[in-house]
Amino acid sequence: QELDLKRVVKLDTRSSSGSGGIMNGGGGGSGITLKDLEFANRSIKLDYRDEHGRLLTRKEAWRKMCYQFHGYGSSAKNEERRLRQVEREQEEGARQSQMANRGTLGALKATQEATGKAFVVHRT
């Protein structure tokens, strides 16, 4: 979920000396610079990722922060289960990329390799 800084950051636009300000170069007074305004107009998106680069759910991110704060970790059983899940996802991703790379040309090449012929007979 995205965080809108306009709703969170409040800039004090009051000028203490009456001169300076944003338009006059910010020399004196309010202390707000154009950089401050730029920062306030940005939007921030926080993504929590694990050591494998996977995007964590809110629950997983909270649990990881709690473990880190309190100085302990998850059980060996849960760590093993999580590692198996990561391996399964990586294998599935590799399989999908192979299938995407194959396409029609890949299928024709596979057929050529299987038959050992330099041509493929196309029947419609």
N, C-alpha and C. Protein backbone atom coordinates (compact mmCIF):
# COMPACT_ATOMS: atom_id res chain seq x y z
N GLN A 1 0.84 -1.16 0.00
CA GLN A 1 0.00 0.00 0.00
C GLN A 1 0.89 1.23 0.00
N GLU A 2 0.46 2.26 -0.69
CA GLU A 2 1.26 3.44 -0.89
C GLU A 2 0.95 4.48 0.17
N LEU A 3 1.99 5.18 0.62
CA LEU A 3 1.85 6.20 1.65
C LEU A 3 1.94 7.56 0.99
N ASP A 4 0.93 8.40 1.17
CA ASP A 4 0.91 9.73 0.58
C ASP A 4 1.47 10.70 1.61
N LEU A 5 2.62 11.29 1.30
CA LEU A 5 3.28 12.18 2.26
C LEU A 5 2.54 13.49 2.45
N LYS A 6 1.69 13.87 1.50
CA LYS A 6 0.92 15.12 1.67
C LYS A 6 0.01 15.02 2.89
N ARG A 7 -0.45 13.82 3.20
CA ARG A 7 -1.33 13.63 4.33
C ARG A 7 -0.57 13.46 5.64
N VAL A 8 0.71 13.08 5.54
CA VAL A 8 1.49 12.79 6.74
C VAL A 8 2.38 13.96 7.13
N VAL A 9 3.04 14.58 6.15
CA VAL A 9 3.99 15.66 6.42
C VAL A 9 3.24 16.98 6.39
N LYS A 10 3.42 17.75 7.44
CA LYS A 10 2.82 19.08 7.48
C LYS A 10 3.95 20.09 7.53
N LEU A 11 3.98 20.96 6.53
CA LEU A 11 5.01 21.98 6.47
C LEU A 11 4.51 23.25 7.13
N ASP A 12 5.36 23.84 7.95
CA ASP A 12 5.01 25.08 8.63
C ASP A 12 5.32 26.23 7.68
N THR A 13 4.29 26.86 7.14
CA THR A 13 4.47 27.92 6.16
C THR A 13 4.48 29.29 6.79
N ARG A 14 4.36 29.35 8.11
CA ARG A 14 4.39 30.66 8.78
C ARG A 14 5.80 31.23 8.72
N SER A 15 5.89 32.49 8.48
CA SER A 15 7.18 33.17 8.42
C SER A 15 7.40 33.94 9.71
N SER A 16 8.54 33.73 10.36
CA SER A 16 8.79 34.41 11.62
C SER A 16 9.24 35.85 11.41
N SER A 17 9.96 36.15 10.32
CA SER A 17 10.44 37.51 10.11
C SER A 17 9.71 38.24 9.01
N GLY A 18 8.88 37.55 8.26
CA GLY A 18 8.13 38.20 7.21
C GLY A 18 8.88 38.25 5.89
N SER A 19 10.16 38.01 5.88
CA SER A 19 10.91 38.00 4.62
C SER A 19 11.44 36.60 4.38
N GLY A 20 11.95 36.39 3.25
CA GLY A 20 12.47 35.07 2.91
C GLY A 20 11.37 34.22 2.36
N GLY A 21 11.21 33.03 2.86
CA GLY A 21 10.15 32.15 2.41
C GLY A 21 10.57 31.38 1.17
N ILE A 22 9.61 30.70 0.57
CA ILE A 22 9.88 29.83 -0.56
C ILE A 22 10.22 30.61 -1.81
N MET A 23 9.42 31.60 -2.10
CA MET A 23 9.59 32.32 -3.35
C MET A 23 10.83 33.20 -3.38
N ASN A 24 11.26 33.68 -2.23
CA ASN A 24 12.41 34.58 -2.19
C ASN A 24 13.71 33.83 -1.94
N GLY A 25 13.73 32.56 -2.17
CA GLY A 25 14.96 31.80 -2.01
C GLY A 25 15.10 31.14 -0.66
N GLY A 26 14.20 31.38 0.25
CA GLY A 26 14.23 30.70 1.55
C GLY A 26 15.34 31.18 2.44
N GLY A 27 15.79 32.44 2.29
CA GLY A 27 16.91 32.94 3.07
C GLY A 27 16.63 33.02 4.54
N GLY A 28 15.46 33.47 4.93
CA GLY A 28 15.17 33.58 6.34
C GLY A 28 13.71 33.31 6.57
N GLY A 29 13.35 33.13 7.79
CA GLY A 29 11.93 32.98 8.07
C GLY A 29 11.53 31.55 8.25
N SER A 30 10.72 31.06 7.33
CA SER A 30 10.03 29.79 7.53
C SER A 30 10.95 28.59 7.53
N GLY A 31 12.04 28.63 6.79
CA GLY A 31 12.95 27.51 6.74
C GLY A 31 12.53 26.41 5.79
N ILE A 32 11.46 26.61 5.02
CA ILE A 32 11.00 25.62 4.05
C ILE A 32 11.72 25.86 2.74
N THR A 33 12.34 24.85 2.24
CA THR A 33 13.04 24.96 0.96
C THR A 33 12.25 24.22 -0.11
N LEU A 34 12.65 24.41 -1.34
CA LEU A 34 12.01 23.70 -2.44
C LEU A 34 12.21 22.20 -2.29
N LYS A 35 13.34 21.82 -1.71
CA LYS A 35 13.61 20.40 -1.48
C LYS A 35 12.60 19.81 -0.50
N ASP A 36 12.24 20.60 0.52
CA ASP A 36 11.22 20.14 1.48
C ASP A 36 9.89 19.92 0.79
N LEU A 37 9.52 20.86 -0.08
CA LEU A 37 8.26 20.74 -0.81
C LEU A 37 8.29 19.53 -1.73
N GLU A 38 9.42 19.31 -2.40
CA GLU A 38 9.56 18.13 -3.26
C GLU A 38 9.36 16.85 -2.46
N PHE A 39 9.99 16.81 -1.29
CA PHE A 39 9.87 15.62 -0.43
C PHE A 39 8.43 15.40 0.00
N ALA A 40 7.72 16.49 0.32
CA ALA A 40 6.34 16.37 0.79
C ALA A 40 5.42 15.91 -0.32
N ASN A 41 5.77 16.16 -1.57
CA ASN A 41 4.91 15.78 -2.68
C ASN A 41 5.18 14.37 -3.20
N ARG A 42 6.17 13.71 -2.66
CA ARG A 42 6.48 12.34 -3.08
C ARG A 42 5.52 11.35 -2.44
N SER A 43 5.46 10.18 -3.04
CA SER A 43 4.72 9.09 -2.41
C SER A 43 5.72 7.96 -2.16
N ILE A 44 5.52 7.28 -1.07
CA ILE A 44 6.46 6.24 -0.65
C ILE A 44 5.72 4.91 -0.58
N LYS A 45 6.37 3.88 -1.07
CA LYS A 45 5.81 2.54 -0.97
C LYS A 45 6.84 1.66 -0.27
N LEU A 46 6.46 1.09 0.86
CA LEU A 46 7.35 0.22 1.61
C LEU A 46 7.11 -1.23 1.21
N ASP A 47 8.16 -1.88 0.78
CA ASP A 47 8.10 -3.30 0.46
C ASP A 47 9.06 -4.02 1.38
N TYR A 48 8.59 -5.04 2.03
CA TYR A 48 9.44 -5.86 2.89
C TYR A 48 9.76 -7.15 2.14
N ARG A 49 11.05 -7.45 2.06
CA ARG A 49 11.50 -8.64 1.33
C ARG A 49 12.36 -9.49 2.25
N ASP A 50 12.39 -10.79 1.96
CA ASP A 50 13.22 -11.69 2.75
C ASP A 50 14.61 -11.79 2.13
N GLU A 51 15.43 -12.67 2.69
CA GLU A 51 16.81 -12.81 2.22
C GLU A 51 16.90 -13.39 0.81
N HIS A 52 15.81 -13.96 0.30
CA HIS A 52 15.79 -14.52 -1.05
C HIS A 52 15.19 -13.55 -2.06
N GLY A 53 14.77 -12.37 -1.60
CA GLY A 53 14.21 -11.37 -2.49
C GLY A 53 12.71 -11.48 -2.70
N ARG A 54 12.07 -12.40 -2.00
CA ARG A 54 10.63 -12.56 -2.14
C ARG A 54 9.90 -11.46 -1.37
N LEU A 55 8.78 -11.01 -1.90
CA LEU A 55 7.95 -10.00 -1.24
C LEU A 55 7.21 -10.66 -0.08
N LEU A 56 7.30 -10.06 1.10
CA LEU A 56 6.66 -10.63 2.28
C LEU A 56 5.26 -10.07 2.45
N THR A 57 4.37 -10.89 3.00
CA THR A 57 3.04 -10.40 3.36
C THR A 57 3.17 -9.57 4.63
N ARG A 58 2.10 -8.90 5.00
CA ARG A 58 2.14 -8.09 6.22
C ARG A 58 2.47 -8.94 7.44
N LYS A 59 1.85 -10.11 7.48
CA LYS A 59 2.06 -11.00 8.63
C LYS A 59 3.52 -11.47 8.69
N GLU A 60 4.07 -11.87 7.56
CA GLU A 60 5.45 -12.34 7.53
C GLU A 60 6.42 -11.22 7.89
N ALA A 61 6.16 -10.02 7.38
CA ALA A 61 7.03 -8.88 7.68
C ALA A 61 6.99 -8.54 9.16
N TRP A 62 5.78 -8.55 9.74
CA TRP A 62 5.65 -8.25 11.17
C TRP A 62 6.38 -9.29 12.00
N ARG A 63 6.21 -10.56 11.64
CA ARG A 63 6.86 -11.63 12.39
C ARG A 63 8.39 -11.51 12.30
N LYS A 64 8.88 -11.16 11.12
CA LYS A 64 10.33 -11.02 10.94
C LYS A 64 10.87 -9.86 11.79
N MET A 65 10.14 -8.74 11.81
CA MET A 65 10.57 -7.61 12.63
C MET A 65 10.54 -7.94 14.11
N CYS A 66 9.52 -8.69 14.54
CA CYS A 66 9.43 -9.09 15.95
C CYS A 66 10.60 -10.01 16.33
N TYR A 67 10.88 -10.97 15.46
CA TYR A 67 12.00 -11.87 15.72
C TYR A 67 13.31 -11.10 15.82
N GLN A 68 13.49 -10.14 14.93
CA GLN A 68 14.72 -9.35 14.92
C GLN A 68 14.80 -8.48 16.18
N PHE A 69 13.70 -7.87 16.57
CA PHE A 69 13.68 -7.00 17.74
C PHE A 69 13.96 -7.77 19.02
N HIS A 70 13.30 -8.91 19.19
CA HIS A 70 13.44 -9.67 20.42
C HIS A 70 14.67 -10.57 20.44
N GLY A 71 15.32 -10.72 19.29
CA GLY A 71 16.58 -11.45 19.26
C GLY A 71 16.45 -12.95 19.15
N TYR A 72 15.38 -13.43 18.60
CA TYR A 72 15.24 -14.87 18.36
C TYR A 72 14.65 -15.08 16.99
N GLY A 73 14.60 -16.32 16.56
CA GLY A 73 14.11 -16.62 15.23
C GLY A 73 13.02 -17.66 15.24
N SER A 74 12.60 -18.03 14.05
CA SER A 74 11.56 -19.05 13.95
C SER A 74 12.18 -20.43 14.20
N SER A 75 11.33 -21.40 14.39
CA SER A 75 11.80 -22.75 14.70
C SER A 75 12.46 -23.37 13.47
N ALA A 76 13.25 -24.39 13.70
CA ALA A 76 13.96 -25.08 12.62
C ALA A 76 12.97 -25.70 11.64
N LYS A 77 11.87 -26.20 12.17
CA LYS A 77 10.84 -26.82 11.32
C LYS A 77 10.24 -25.79 10.36
N ASN A 78 9.92 -24.60 10.88
CA ASN A 78 9.35 -23.57 10.02
C ASN A 78 10.37 -23.04 9.01
N GLU A 79 11.63 -22.92 9.44
CA GLU A 79 12.68 -22.49 8.51
C GLU A 79 12.83 -23.48 7.36
N GLU A 80 12.82 -24.77 7.69
CA GLU A 80 12.93 -25.81 6.67
C GLU A 80 11.75 -25.76 5.71
N ARG A 81 10.54 -25.57 6.24
CA ARG A 81 9.35 -25.47 5.41
C ARG A 81 9.44 -24.26 4.48
N ARG A 82 9.91 -23.14 4.99
CA ARG A 82 10.05 -21.92 4.19
C ARG A 82 11.09 -22.12 3.09
N LEU A 83 12.20 -22.78 3.40
CA LEU A 83 13.23 -23.04 2.38
C LEU A 83 12.72 -23.96 1.29
N ARG A 84 11.93 -24.97 1.67
CA ARG A 84 11.33 -25.85 0.66
C ARG A 84 10.39 -25.06 -0.25
N GLN A 85 9.62 -24.14 0.34
CA GLN A 85 8.70 -23.32 -0.44
C GLN A 85 9.46 -22.43 -1.41
N VAL A 86 10.56 -21.85 -0.98
CA VAL A 86 11.38 -21.00 -1.85
C VAL A 86 11.95 -21.81 -3.00
N GLU A 87 12.46 -22.99 -2.70
CA GLU A 87 13.01 -23.87 -3.75
C GLU A 87 11.92 -24.24 -4.75
N ARG A 88 10.73 -24.57 -4.25
CA ARG A 88 9.62 -24.93 -5.13
C ARG A 88 9.25 -23.75 -6.04
N GLU A 89 9.21 -22.54 -5.48
CA GLU A 89 8.87 -21.36 -6.28
C GLU A 89 9.94 -21.08 -7.33
N GLN A 90 11.21 -21.27 -6.97
CA GLN A 90 12.29 -21.04 -7.93
C GLN A 90 12.24 -22.06 -9.06
N GLU A 91 11.98 -23.32 -8.73
CA GLU A 91 11.86 -24.35 -9.77
C GLU A 91 10.69 -24.05 -10.69
N GLU A 92 9.57 -23.63 -10.11
CA GLU A 92 8.40 -23.31 -10.91
C GLU A 92 8.67 -22.12 -11.82
N GLY A 93 9.37 -21.12 -11.31
CA GLY A 93 9.73 -19.96 -12.12
C GLY A 93 10.65 -20.33 -13.27
N ALA A 94 11.61 -21.22 -13.01
CA ALA A 94 12.53 -21.67 -14.06
C ALA A 94 11.77 -22.45 -15.12
N ARG A 95 10.84 -23.29 -14.67
CA ARG A 95 10.03 -24.07 -15.60
C ARG A 95 9.18 -23.16 -16.49
N GLN A 96 8.59 -22.14 -15.88
CA GLN A 96 7.75 -21.21 -16.65
C GLN A 96 8.57 -20.42 -17.65
N SER A 97 9.79 -20.02 -17.26
CA SER A 97 10.62 -19.26 -18.20
C SER A 97 11.05 -20.15 -19.37
N GLN A 98 11.30 -21.42 -19.10
CA GLN A 98 11.64 -22.33 -20.20
C GLN A 98 10.47 -22.48 -21.15
N MET A 99 9.26 -22.60 -20.61
CA MET A 99 8.09 -22.75 -21.45
C MET A 99 7.83 -21.48 -22.25
N ALA A 100 8.09 -20.32 -21.65
CA ALA A 100 7.87 -19.05 -22.35
C ALA A 100 8.88 -18.89 -23.47
N ASN A 101 10.11 -19.37 -23.26
CA ASN A 101 11.15 -19.24 -24.28
C ASN A 101 10.92 -20.19 -25.44
N ARG A 102 10.22 -21.25 -25.18
CA ARG A 102 10.04 -22.25 -26.23
C ARG A 102 9.15 -21.72 -27.33
N GLY A 103 7.91 -21.44 -27.04
CA GLY A 103 7.00 -20.93 -28.05
C GLY A 103 6.94 -21.84 -29.27
N THR A 104 6.57 -21.30 -30.41
CA THR A 104 6.44 -22.07 -31.64
C THR A 104 7.81 -22.50 -32.14
N LEU A 105 8.76 -21.56 -32.16
CA LEU A 105 10.10 -21.88 -32.64
C LEU A 105 10.75 -22.94 -31.77
N GLY A 106 10.55 -22.83 -30.46
CA GLY A 106 11.11 -23.82 -29.54
C GLY A 106 10.51 -25.19 -29.79
N ALA A 107 9.21 -25.23 -30.06
CA ALA A 107 8.54 -26.51 -30.34
C ALA A 107 9.08 -27.11 -31.63
N LEU A 108 9.31 -26.29 -32.65
CA LEU A 108 9.87 -26.79 -33.91
C LEU A 108 11.28 -27.34 -33.70
N LYS A 109 12.09 -26.62 -32.92
CA LYS A 109 13.46 -27.10 -32.65
C LYS A 109 13.43 -28.40 -31.87
N ALA A 110 12.53 -28.51 -30.90
CA ALA A 110 12.42 -29.75 -30.12
C ALA A 110 12.02 -30.91 -31.02
N THR A 111 11.11 -30.64 -31.96
CA THR A 111 10.69 -31.68 -32.90
C THR A 111 11.86 -32.09 -33.79
N GLN A 112 12.64 -31.14 -34.27
CA GLN A 112 13.81 -31.45 -35.09
C GLN A 112 14.81 -32.30 -34.32
N GLU A 113 15.05 -31.94 -33.06
CA GLU A 113 15.99 -32.72 -32.25
C GLU A 113 15.47 -34.13 -32.01
N ALA A 114 14.17 -34.26 -31.79
CA ALA A 114 13.59 -35.58 -31.51
C ALA A 114 13.62 -36.48 -32.74
N THR A 115 13.33 -35.89 -33.90
CA THR A 115 13.29 -36.71 -35.12
C THR A 115 14.67 -36.86 -35.76
N GLY A 116 15.57 -35.95 -35.49
CA GLY A 116 16.90 -36.01 -36.08
C GLY A 116 16.93 -35.54 -37.51
N LYS A 117 15.89 -34.85 -37.96
CA LYS A 117 15.82 -34.35 -39.33
C LYS A 117 15.97 -32.84 -39.32
N ALA A 118 16.45 -32.30 -40.45
CA ALA A 118 16.66 -30.85 -40.56
C ALA A 118 15.38 -30.12 -40.95
N PHE A 119 14.33 -30.84 -41.22
CA PHE A 119 13.08 -30.19 -41.64
C PHE A 119 11.92 -30.76 -40.84
N VAL A 120 10.82 -30.03 -40.84
CA VAL A 120 9.62 -30.46 -40.14
C VAL A 120 8.48 -30.39 -41.14
N VAL A 121 7.75 -31.50 -41.29
CA VAL A 121 6.62 -31.55 -42.20
C VAL A 121 5.42 -30.94 -41.48
N HIS A 122 4.85 -29.92 -42.10
CA HIS A 122 3.70 -29.22 -41.49
C HIS A 122 2.45 -29.63 -42.22
N ARG A 123 1.52 -30.21 -41.51
CA ARG A 123 0.26 -30.63 -42.11
C ARG A 123 -0.86 -29.78 -41.55
N THR A 124 -1.71 -29.30 -42.44
CA THR A 124 -2.84 -28.48 -41.97
C THR A 124 -4.14 -29.20 -42.18
